[in-house]
């Protein structure tokens, strides 16, 4: 699936931005988990 390969983080952005996105995703996941209690 060529489209998915094009969306790999290393193809989209510098590693600093990728880390920021990963941190944001983790924060969102924690917020969702906390909200479901």
N, C-alpha and C. Protein backbone atom coordinates (compact mmCIF):
# COMPACT_ATOMS: atom_id res chain seq x y z
N UNK A 1 0.85 -1.20 0.00
CA UNK A 1 0.00 0.00 0.00
C UNK A 1 0.88 1.24 0.00
N UNK A 2 1.10 1.77 -1.19
CA UNK A 2 2.02 2.89 -1.36
C UNK A 2 1.57 4.12 -0.57
N UNK A 3 0.27 4.34 -0.48
CA UNK A 3 -0.23 5.52 0.22
C UNK A 3 0.16 5.53 1.68
N UNK A 4 0.09 4.36 2.33
CA UNK A 4 0.47 4.31 3.74
C UNK A 4 1.95 4.60 3.91
N UNK A 5 2.78 4.12 2.99
CA UNK A 5 4.21 4.40 3.08
C UNK A 5 4.46 5.90 2.99
N UNK A 6 3.68 6.60 2.20
CA UNK A 6 3.85 8.04 2.06
C UNK A 6 3.51 8.77 3.36
N UNK A 7 2.72 8.12 4.21
CA UNK A 7 2.30 8.76 5.46
C UNK A 7 3.20 8.41 6.64
N UNK A 8 4.27 7.66 6.40
CA UNK A 8 5.19 7.36 7.50
C UNK A 8 5.73 8.66 8.08
N UNK A 9 5.82 8.77 9.39
CA UNK A 9 6.26 10.03 10.02
C UNK A 9 7.59 10.52 9.48
N UNK A 10 8.55 9.61 9.25
CA UNK A 10 9.86 10.06 8.79
C UNK A 10 9.78 10.69 7.40
N UNK A 11 8.72 10.39 6.66
CA UNK A 11 8.55 10.99 5.34
C UNK A 11 7.82 12.33 5.41
N UNK A 12 7.15 12.59 6.52
CA UNK A 12 6.32 13.79 6.62
C UNK A 12 7.03 14.94 7.32
N UNK A 13 7.87 14.63 8.33
CA UNK A 13 8.30 15.68 9.22
C UNK A 13 9.64 15.33 9.86
N UNK A 14 10.37 16.33 10.35
CA UNK A 14 11.59 16.09 11.13
C UNK A 14 11.26 15.32 12.40
N UNK A 15 12.28 14.67 12.95
CA UNK A 15 12.03 13.82 14.12
C UNK A 15 11.49 14.61 15.30
N UNK A 16 11.88 15.88 15.43
CA UNK A 16 11.38 16.68 16.55
C UNK A 16 9.87 16.80 16.47
N UNK A 17 9.36 17.06 15.26
CA UNK A 17 7.92 17.20 15.09
C UNK A 17 7.23 15.87 15.33
N UNK A 18 7.86 14.79 14.88
CA UNK A 18 7.27 13.47 15.10
C UNK A 18 7.15 13.19 16.59
N UNK A 19 8.18 13.55 17.35
CA UNK A 19 8.11 13.33 18.80
C UNK A 19 6.98 14.15 19.41
N UNK A 20 6.81 15.39 18.93
CA UNK A 20 5.72 16.22 19.44
C UNK A 20 4.37 15.59 19.14
N UNK A 21 4.22 15.06 17.94
CA UNK A 21 2.96 14.42 17.57
C UNK A 21 2.72 13.20 18.44
N UNK A 22 3.76 12.42 18.69
CA UNK A 22 3.61 11.23 19.52
C UNK A 22 3.23 11.62 20.94
N UNK A 23 3.82 12.70 21.46
CA UNK A 23 3.49 13.17 22.79
C UNK A 23 2.04 13.63 22.84
N UNK A 24 1.59 14.34 21.81
CA UNK A 24 0.20 14.77 21.75
C UNK A 24 -0.73 13.57 21.72
N UNK A 25 -0.38 12.56 20.94
CA UNK A 25 -1.23 11.38 20.84
C UNK A 25 -1.31 10.68 22.20
N UNK A 26 -0.19 10.63 22.91
CA UNK A 26 -0.20 10.00 24.24
C UNK A 26 -1.08 10.79 25.19
N UNK A 27 -1.00 12.11 25.15
CA UNK A 27 -1.82 12.94 26.02
C UNK A 27 -3.30 12.75 25.71
N UNK A 28 -3.64 12.67 24.44
CA UNK A 28 -5.04 12.45 24.05
C UNK A 28 -5.51 11.09 24.56
N UNK A 29 -4.67 10.07 24.41
CA UNK A 29 -5.05 8.73 24.86
C UNK A 29 -5.29 8.74 26.37
N UNK A 30 -4.43 9.44 27.11
CA UNK A 30 -4.60 9.51 28.56
C UNK A 30 -5.89 10.25 28.91
N UNK A 31 -6.19 11.33 28.19
CA UNK A 31 -7.42 12.07 28.45
C UNK A 31 -8.65 11.21 28.19
N UNK A 32 -8.62 10.44 27.12
CA UNK A 32 -9.75 9.57 26.80
C UNK A 32 -9.91 8.51 27.87
N UNK A 33 -8.79 7.92 28.30
CA UNK A 33 -8.84 6.88 29.33
C UNK A 33 -9.39 7.45 30.63
N UNK A 34 -8.92 8.62 31.02
CA UNK A 34 -9.39 9.23 32.26
C UNK A 34 -10.86 9.60 32.16
N UNK A 35 -11.30 10.01 30.99
CA UNK A 35 -12.68 10.42 30.80
C UNK A 35 -13.66 9.26 30.84
N UNK A 36 -13.15 8.03 30.64
CA UNK A 36 -14.04 6.88 30.58
C UNK A 36 -14.22 6.20 31.93
N UNK A 37 -13.58 6.71 32.96
CA UNK A 37 -13.72 6.07 34.28
C UNK A 37 -15.09 6.37 34.87
